[in-house]
Amino acid sequence: MPDPRIKNEEQYEALREQGYSKQKSARIANTPNAGKKGGKAKPYEERTKAELYQQAKKLEIKGRSTMNKKQLIDSLRNN
């Protein structure tokens, strides 16, 4: 039975099958434009180390101050 609180039930079910929690699946499925192609951000490789550091800081990635650009990119992608 569909849940009326879920805006995109198909996406919600797909996320649950991938192992996402109910809460995270609902949050993603209820986001406007969630299934549409993303923004206009530059790829990590085109950003400066300082830009990558700031993004890592926002995400509270530990050890970021000692990382080089490649390590920052790897950490951002795996976070």
PDB file of N, CA and C in Angstrom:
ATOM      1  N   MET A   1       0.835  -1.179   0.000  1.00  0.00           N
ATOM      2  CA  MET A   1       0.000   0.000   0.000  1.00  0.00           C
ATOM      3  C   MET A   1       0.885   1.249   0.000  1.00  0.00           C
ATOM      4  N   PRO A   2       0.695   2.151  -0.941  1.00  0.00           N
ATOM      5  CA  PRO A   2       1.522   3.361  -1.026  1.00  0.00           C
ATOM      6  C   PRO A   2       1.367   4.257   0.201  1.00  0.00           C
ATOM      7  N   ASP A   3       2.461   4.868   0.566  1.00  0.00           N
ATOM      8  CA  ASP A   3       2.475   5.798   1.696  1.00  0.00           C
ATOM      9  C   ASP A   3       2.226   7.198   1.148  1.00  0.00           C
ATOM     10  N   PRO A   4       1.159   7.871   1.569  1.00  0.00           N
ATOM     11  CA  PRO A   4       0.850   9.199   1.028  1.00  0.00           C
ATOM     12  C   PRO A   4       1.901  10.259   1.375  1.00  0.00           C
ATOM     13  N   ARG A   5       2.769   9.971   2.342  1.00  0.00           N
ATOM     14  CA  ARG A   5       3.806  10.931   2.719  1.00  0.00           C
ATOM     15  C   ARG A   5       4.999  10.885   1.768  1.00  0.00           C
ATOM     16  N   ILE A   6       5.110   9.833   0.965  1.00  0.00           N
ATOM     17  CA  ILE A   6       6.218   9.676   0.021  1.00  0.00           C
ATOM     18  C   ILE A   6       5.785  10.233  -1.333  1.00  0.00           C
ATOM     19  N   LYS A   7       6.520  11.226  -1.832  1.00  0.00           N
ATOM     20  CA  LYS A   7       6.149  11.875  -3.095  1.00  0.00           C
ATOM     21  C   LYS A   7       6.523  11.038  -4.309  1.00  0.00           C
ATOM     22  N   ASN A   8       7.632  10.318  -4.241  1.00  0.00           N
ATOM     23  CA  ASN A   8       8.081   9.503  -5.362  1.00  0.00           C
ATOM     24  C   ASN A   8       8.270   8.072  -4.858  1.00  0.00           C
ATOM     25  N   GLU A   9       7.181   7.336  -4.848  1.00  0.00           N
ATOM     26  CA  GLU A   9       7.168   5.980  -4.285  1.00  0.00           C
ATOM     27  C   GLU A   9       8.128   5.042  -5.026  1.00  0.00           C
ATOM     28  N   GLU A  10       8.205   5.188  -6.349  1.00  0.00           N
ATOM     29  CA  GLU A  10       9.085   4.326  -7.149  1.00  0.00           C
ATOM     30  C   GLU A  10      10.553   4.539  -6.767  1.00  0.00           C
ATOM     31  N   GLN A  11      10.940   5.790  -6.632  1.00  0.00           N
ATOM     32  CA  GLN A  11      12.310   6.101  -6.237  1.00  0.00           C
ATOM     33  C   GLN A  11      12.573   5.612  -4.812  1.00  0.00           C
ATOM     34  N   TYR A  12      11.608   5.794  -3.927  1.00  0.00           N
ATOM     35  CA  TYR A  12      11.733   5.340  -2.540  1.00  0.00           C
ATOM     36  C   TYR A  12      12.006   3.841  -2.492  1.00  0.00           C
ATOM     37  N   GLU A  13      11.227   3.070  -3.223  1.00  0.00           N
ATOM     38  CA  GLU A  13      11.393   1.613  -3.232  1.00  0.00           C
ATOM     39  C   GLU A  13      12.745   1.208  -3.815  1.00  0.00           C
ATOM     40  N   ALA A  14      13.184   1.906  -4.861  1.00  0.00           N
ATOM     41  CA  ALA A  14      14.484   1.600  -5.467  1.00  0.00           C
ATOM     42  C   ALA A  14      15.613   1.857  -4.469  1.00  0.00           C
ATOM     43  N   LEU A  15      15.505   2.930  -3.728  1.00  0.00           N
ATOM     44  CA  LEU A  15      16.523   3.252  -2.729  1.00  0.00           C
ATOM     45  C   LEU A  15      16.521   2.221  -1.595  1.00  0.00           C
ATOM     46  N   ARG A  16      15.361   1.788  -1.176  1.00  0.00           N
ATOM     47  CA  ARG A  16      15.273   0.771  -0.111  1.00  0.00           C
ATOM     48  C   ARG A  16      15.922  -0.531  -0.576  1.00  0.00           C
ATOM     49  N   GLU A  17      15.710  -0.887  -1.848  1.00  0.00           N
ATOM     50  CA  GLU A  17      16.316  -2.107  -2.396  1.00  0.00           C
ATOM     51  C   GLU A  17      17.836  -2.003  -2.450  1.00  0.00           C
ATOM     52  N   GLN A  18      18.344  -0.784  -2.574  1.00  0.00           N
ATOM     53  CA  GLN A  18      19.792  -0.567  -2.593  1.00  0.00           C
ATOM     54  C   GLN A  18      20.382  -0.568  -1.189  1.00  0.00           C
ATOM     55  N   GLY A  19      19.527  -0.645  -0.166  1.00  0.00           N
ATOM     56  CA  GLY A  19      20.028  -0.730   1.201  1.00  0.00           C
ATOM     57  C   GLY A  19      19.952   0.554   1.999  1.00  0.00           C
ATOM     58  N   TYR A  20      19.371   1.602   1.427  1.00  0.00           N
ATOM     59  CA  TYR A  20      19.221   2.856   2.172  1.00  0.00           C
ATOM     60  C   TYR A  20      18.185   2.676   3.283  1.00  0.00           C
ATOM     61  N   SER A  21      18.343   3.430   4.354  1.00  0.00           N
ATOM     62  CA  SER A  21      17.383   3.371   5.449  1.00  0.00           C
ATOM     63  C   SER A  21      16.046   3.964   4.996  1.00  0.00           C
ATOM     64  N   LYS A  22      14.990   3.676   5.734  1.00  0.00           N
ATOM     65  CA  LYS A  22      13.675   4.234   5.414  1.00  0.00           C
ATOM     66  C   LYS A  22      13.718   5.752   5.453  1.00  0.00           C
ATOM     67  N   GLN A  23      14.382   6.294   6.479  1.00  0.00           N
ATOM     68  CA  GLN A  23      14.438   7.747   6.641  1.00  0.00           C
ATOM     69  C   GLN A  23      15.183   8.405   5.477  1.00  0.00           C
ATOM     70  N   LYS A  24      16.344   7.877   5.127  1.00  0.00           N
ATOM     71  CA  LYS A  24      17.131   8.479   4.048  1.00  0.00           C
ATOM     72  C   LYS A  24      16.408   8.318   2.712  1.00  0.00           C
ATOM     73  N   SER A  25      15.803   7.166   2.483  1.00  0.00           N
ATOM     74  CA  SER A  25      15.060   6.939   1.245  1.00  0.00           C
ATOM     75  C   SER A  25      13.903   7.922   1.117  1.00  0.00           C
ATOM     76  N   ALA A  26      13.187   8.143   2.203  1.00  0.00           N
ATOM     77  CA  ALA A  26      12.058   9.079   2.186  1.00  0.00           C
ATOM     78  C   ALA A  26      12.540  10.503   1.946  1.00  0.00           C
ATOM     79  N   ARG A  27      13.637  10.861   2.583  1.00  0.00           N
ATOM     80  CA  ARG A  27      14.175  12.217   2.427  1.00  0.00           C
ATOM     81  C   ARG A  27      14.553  12.475   0.970  1.00  0.00           C
ATOM     82  N   ILE A  28      15.211  11.503   0.333  1.00  0.00           N
ATOM     83  CA  ILE A  28      15.619  11.661  -1.060  1.00  0.00           C
ATOM     84  C   ILE A  28      14.399  11.666  -1.976  1.00  0.00           C
ATOM     85  N   ALA A  29      13.470  10.739  -1.755  1.00  0.00           N
ATOM     86  CA  ALA A  29      12.290  10.621  -2.611  1.00  0.00           C
ATOM     87  C   ALA A  29      11.368  11.833  -2.481  1.00  0.00           C
ATOM     88  N   ASN A  30      11.439  12.542  -1.379  1.00  0.00           N
ATOM     89  CA  ASN A  30      10.584  13.709  -1.173  1.00  0.00           C
ATOM     90  C   ASN A  30      11.253  15.019  -1.573  1.00  0.00           C
ATOM     91  N   THR A  31      12.491  14.954  -2.032  1.00  0.00           N
ATOM     92  CA  THR A  31      13.203  16.151  -2.464  1.00  0.00           C
ATOM     93  C   THR A  31      12.694  16.571  -3.837  1.00  0.00           C
ATOM     94  N   PRO A  32      12.337  17.840  -4.006  1.00  0.00           N
ATOM     95  CA  PRO A  32      11.913  18.282  -5.335  1.00  0.00           C
ATOM     96  C   PRO A  32      13.035  18.074  -6.354  1.00  0.00           C
ATOM     97  N   ASN A  33      12.682  17.622  -7.522  1.00  0.00           N
ATOM     98  CA  ASN A  33      13.631  17.405  -8.625  1.00  0.00           C
ATOM     99  C   ASN A  33      14.697  16.372  -8.294  1.00  0.00           C
ATOM    100  N   ALA A  34      14.425  15.452  -7.389  1.00  0.00           N
ATOM    101  CA  ALA A  34      15.425  14.485  -6.947  1.00  0.00           C
ATOM    102  C   ALA A  34      15.915  13.579  -8.064  1.00  0.00           C
ATOM    103  N   GLY A  35      15.084  13.275  -9.012  1.00  0.00           N
ATOM    104  CA  GLY A  35      15.488  12.362 -10.067  1.00  0.00           C
ATOM    105  C   GLY A  35      16.097  13.042 -11.278  1.00  0.00           C
ATOM    106  N   LYS A  36      16.173  14.348 -11.269  1.00  0.00           N
ATOM    107  CA  LYS A  36      16.678  15.076 -12.427  1.00  0.00           C
ATOM    108  C   LYS A  36      18.183  15.230 -12.376  1.00  0.00           C
ATOM    109  N   LYS A  37      18.762  15.455 -13.552  1.00  0.00           N
ATOM    110  CA  LYS A  37      20.208  15.608 -13.642  1.00  0.00           C
ATOM    111  C   LYS A  37      20.672  16.803 -12.820  1.00  0.00           C
ATOM    112  N   GLY A  38      21.820  16.639 -12.224  1.00  0.00           N
ATOM    113  CA  GLY A  38      22.322  17.567 -11.232  1.00  0.00           C
ATOM    114  C   GLY A  38      22.813  18.915 -11.717  1.00  0.00           C
ATOM    115  N   GLY A  39      23.474  19.563 -10.799  1.00  0.00           N
ATOM    116  CA  GLY A  39      23.856  20.950 -10.950  1.00  0.00           C
ATOM    117  C   GLY A  39      25.017  21.208 -11.887  1.00  0.00           C
ATOM    118  N   LYS A  40      25.563  22.372 -11.713  1.00  0.00           N
ATOM    119  CA  LYS A  40      26.599  22.841 -12.614  1.00  0.00           C
ATOM    120  C   LYS A  40      27.942  22.973 -11.915  1.00  0.00           C
ATOM    121  N   ALA A  41      28.145  22.201 -10.886  1.00  0.00           N
ATOM    122  CA  ALA A  41      29.403  22.260 -10.154  1.00  0.00           C
ATOM    123  C   ALA A  41      30.529  21.686 -11.014  1.00  0.00           C
ATOM    124  N   LYS A  42      31.709  22.285 -10.863  1.00  0.00           N
ATOM    125  CA  LYS A  42      32.882  21.789 -11.589  1.00  0.00           C
ATOM    126  C   LYS A  42      33.269  20.420 -11.026  1.00  0.00           C
ATOM    127  N   PRO A  43      33.814  19.552 -11.876  1.00  0.00           N
ATOM    128  CA  PRO A  43      34.353  18.288 -11.364  1.00  0.00           C
ATOM    129  C   PRO A  43      35.464  18.571 -10.350  1.00  0.00           C
ATOM    130  N   TYR A  44      35.658  17.667  -9.426  1.00  0.00           N
ATOM    131  CA  TYR A  44      36.678  17.854  -8.391  1.00  0.00           C
ATOM    132  C   TYR A  44      38.055  18.150  -8.990  1.00  0.00           C
ATOM    133  N   GLU A  45      38.386  17.483 -10.094  1.00  0.00           N
ATOM    134  CA  GLU A  45      39.710  17.665 -10.697  1.00  0.00           C
ATOM    135  C   GLU A  45      39.944  19.091 -11.191  1.00  0.00           C
ATOM    136  N   GLU A  46      38.886  19.821 -11.479  1.00  0.00           N
ATOM    137  CA  GLU A  46      39.011  21.192 -11.965  1.00  0.00           C
ATOM    138  C   GLU A  46      39.017  22.225 -10.839  1.00  0.00           C
ATOM    139  N   ARG A  47      38.833  21.773  -9.623  1.00  0.00           N
ATOM    140  CA  ARG A  47      38.818  22.688  -8.481  1.00  0.00           C
ATOM    141  C   ARG A  47      40.214  22.823  -7.887  1.00  0.00           C
ATOM    142  N   THR A  48      40.419  23.919  -7.188  1.00  0.00           N
ATOM    143  CA  THR A  48      41.701  24.112  -6.515  1.00  0.00           C
ATOM    144  C   THR A  48      41.730  23.298  -5.231  1.00  0.00           C
ATOM    145  N   LYS A  49      42.924  23.109  -4.711  1.00  0.00           N
ATOM    146  CA  LYS A  49      43.056  22.397  -3.436  1.00  0.00           C
ATOM    147  C   LYS A  49      42.295  23.141  -2.344  1.00  0.00           C
ATOM    148  N   ALA A  50      42.337  24.473  -2.375  1.00  0.00           N
ATOM    149  CA  ALA A  50      41.638  25.283  -1.371  1.00  0.00           C
ATOM    150  C   ALA A  50      40.121  25.064  -1.449  1.00  0.00           C
ATOM    151  N   GLU A  51      39.586  24.971  -2.660  1.00  0.00           N
ATOM    152  CA  GLU A  51      38.154  24.715  -2.825  1.00  0.00           C
ATOM    153  C   GLU A  51      37.785  23.330  -2.284  1.00  0.00           C
ATOM    154  N   LEU A  52      38.625  22.352  -2.594  1.00  0.00           N
ATOM    155  CA  LEU A  52      38.390  20.994  -2.103  1.00  0.00           C
ATOM    156  C   LEU A  52      38.473  20.950  -0.585  1.00  0.00           C
ATOM    157  N   TYR A  53      39.436  21.660  -0.026  1.00  0.00           N
ATOM    158  CA  TYR A  53      39.592  21.716   1.428  1.00  0.00           C
ATOM    159  C   TYR A  53      38.330  22.296   2.069  1.00  0.00           C
ATOM    160  N   GLN A  54      37.798  23.370   1.501  1.00  0.00           N
ATOM    161  CA  GLN A  54      36.594  23.990   2.060  1.00  0.00           C
ATOM    162  C   GLN A  54      35.406  23.030   2.012  1.00  0.00           C
ATOM    163  N   GLN A  55      35.285  22.285   0.923  1.00  0.00           N
ATOM    164  CA  GLN A  55      34.209  21.294   0.822  1.00  0.00           C
ATOM    165  C   GLN A  55      34.403  20.200   1.871  1.00  0.00           C
ATOM    166  N   ALA A  56      35.631  19.746   2.046  1.00  0.00           N
ATOM    167  CA  ALA A  56      35.931  18.723   3.054  1.00  0.00           C
ATOM    168  C   ALA A  56      35.640  19.260   4.457  1.00  0.00           C
ATOM    169  N   LYS A  57      35.915  20.519   4.668  1.00  0.00           N
ATOM    170  CA  LYS A  57      35.642  21.150   5.962  1.00  0.00           C
ATOM    171  C   LYS A  57      34.136  21.156   6.244  1.00  0.00           C
ATOM    172  N   LYS A  58      33.339  21.507   5.218  1.00  0.00           N
ATOM    173  CA  LYS A  58      31.876  21.498   5.365  1.00  0.00           C
ATOM    174  C   LYS A  58      31.368  20.115   5.746  1.00  0.00           C
ATOM    175  N   LEU A  59      32.010  19.091   5.179  1.00  0.00           N
ATOM    176  CA  LEU A  59      31.589  17.708   5.431  1.00  0.00           C
ATOM    177  C   LEU A  59      32.268  17.106   6.661  1.00  0.00           C
ATOM    178  N   GLU A  60      33.097  17.919   7.325  1.00  0.00           N
ATOM    179  CA  GLU A  60      33.794  17.507   8.544  1.00  0.00           C
ATOM    180  C   GLU A  60      34.646  16.252   8.338  1.00  0.00           C
ATOM    181  N   ILE A  61      35.376  16.214   7.229  1.00  0.00           N
ATOM    182  CA  ILE A  61      36.264  15.092   6.936  1.00  0.00           C
ATOM    183  C   ILE A  61      37.508  15.232   7.797  1.00  0.00           C
ATOM    184  N   LYS A  62      37.770  14.216   8.580  1.00  0.00           N
ATOM    185  CA  LYS A  62      38.917  14.240   9.487  1.00  0.00           C
ATOM    186  C   LYS A  62      40.221  14.068   8.708  1.00  0.00           C
ATOM    187  N   GLY A  63      41.273  14.747   9.147  1.00  0.00           N
ATOM    188  CA  GLY A  63      42.585  14.645   8.529  1.00  0.00           C
ATOM    189  C   GLY A  63      42.753  15.475   7.277  1.00  0.00           C
ATOM    190  N   ARG A  64      41.778  16.311   6.961  1.00  0.00           N
ATOM    191  CA  ARG A  64      41.809  17.077   5.716  1.00  0.00           C
ATOM    192  C   ARG A  64      42.996  18.030   5.621  1.00  0.00           C
ATOM    193  N   SER A  65      43.465  18.527   6.757  1.00  0.00           N
ATOM    194  CA  SER A  65      44.550  19.517   6.722  1.00  0.00           C
ATOM    195  C   SER A  65      45.874  18.924   6.245  1.00  0.00           C
ATOM    196  N   THR A  66      46.030  17.618   6.353  1.00  0.00           N
ATOM    197  CA  THR A  66      47.281  16.986   5.919  1.00  0.00           C
ATOM    198  C   THR A  66      47.164  16.320   4.551  1.00  0.00           C
ATOM    199  N   MET A  67      45.985  16.415   3.924  1.00  0.00           N
ATOM    200  CA  MET A  67      45.760  15.729   2.648  1.00  0.00           C
ATOM    201  C   MET A  67      46.228  16.569   1.463  1.00  0.00           C
ATOM    202  N   ASN A  68      46.713  15.870   0.430  1.00  0.00           N
ATOM    203  CA  ASN A  68      47.010  16.547  -0.829  1.00  0.00           C
ATOM    204  C   ASN A  68      45.730  16.563  -1.672  1.00  0.00           C
ATOM    205  N   LYS A  69      45.792  17.157  -2.844  1.00  0.00           N
ATOM    206  CA  LYS A  69      44.598  17.314  -3.672  1.00  0.00           C
ATOM    207  C   LYS A  69      43.955  15.975  -4.016  1.00  0.00           C
ATOM    208  N   LYS A  70      44.757  15.003  -4.417  1.00  0.00           N
ATOM    209  CA  LYS A  70      44.214  13.683  -4.771  1.00  0.00           C
ATOM    210  C   LYS A  70      43.527  13.025  -3.577  1.00  0.00           C
ATOM    211  N   GLN A  71      44.122  13.131  -2.414  1.00  0.00           N
ATOM    212  CA  GLN A  71      43.529  12.544  -1.208  1.00  0.00           C
ATOM    213  C   GLN A  71      42.218  13.245  -0.849  1.00  0.00           C
ATOM    214  N   LEU A  72      42.172  14.572  -1.013  1.00  0.00           N
ATOM    215  CA  LEU A  72      40.928  15.300  -0.759  1.00  0.00           C
ATOM    216  C   LEU A  72      39.827  14.834  -1.707  1.00  0.00           C
ATOM    217  N   ILE A  73      40.172  14.678  -2.987  1.00  0.00           N
ATOM    218  CA  ILE A  73      39.197  14.215  -3.968  1.00  0.00           C
ATOM    219  C   ILE A  73      38.681  12.828  -3.580  1.00  0.00           C
ATOM    220  N   ASP A  74      39.581  11.916  -3.255  1.00  0.00           N
ATOM    221  CA  ASP A  74      39.195  10.561  -2.852  1.00  0.00           C
ATOM    222  C   ASP A  74      38.283  10.590  -1.622  1.00  0.00           C
ATOM    223  N   SER A  75      38.621  11.407  -0.647  1.00  0.00           N
ATOM    224  CA  SER A  75      37.819  11.502   0.575  1.00  0.00           C
ATOM    225  C   SER A  75      36.444  12.077   0.301  1.00  0.00           C
ATOM    226  N   LEU A  76      36.381  13.092  -0.539  1.00  0.00           N
ATOM    227  CA  LEU A  76      35.087  13.694  -0.891  1.00  0.00           C
ATOM    228  C   LEU A  76      34.195  12.713  -1.648  1.00  0.00           C
ATOM    229  N   ARG A  77      34.792  11.938  -2.517  1.00  0.00           N
ATOM    230  CA  ARG A  77      34.004  10.968  -3.291  1.00  0.00           C
ATOM    231  C   ARG A  77      33.511   9.807  -2.437  1.00  0.00           C
ATOM    232  N   ASN A  78      34.247   9.475  -1.402  1.00  0.00           N
ATOM    233  CA  ASN A  78      33.895   8.322  -0.581  1.00  0.00           C
ATOM    234  C   ASN A  78      33.155   8.695   0.697  1.00  0.00           C
ATOM    235  N   ASN A  79      32.844   9.949   0.847  1.00  0.00           N
ATOM    236  CA  ASN A  79      32.153  10.383   2.063  1.00  0.00           C
ATOM    237  C   ASN A  79      30.673  10.291   1.906  1.00  0.00           C
TER     238      ASN A  79
END
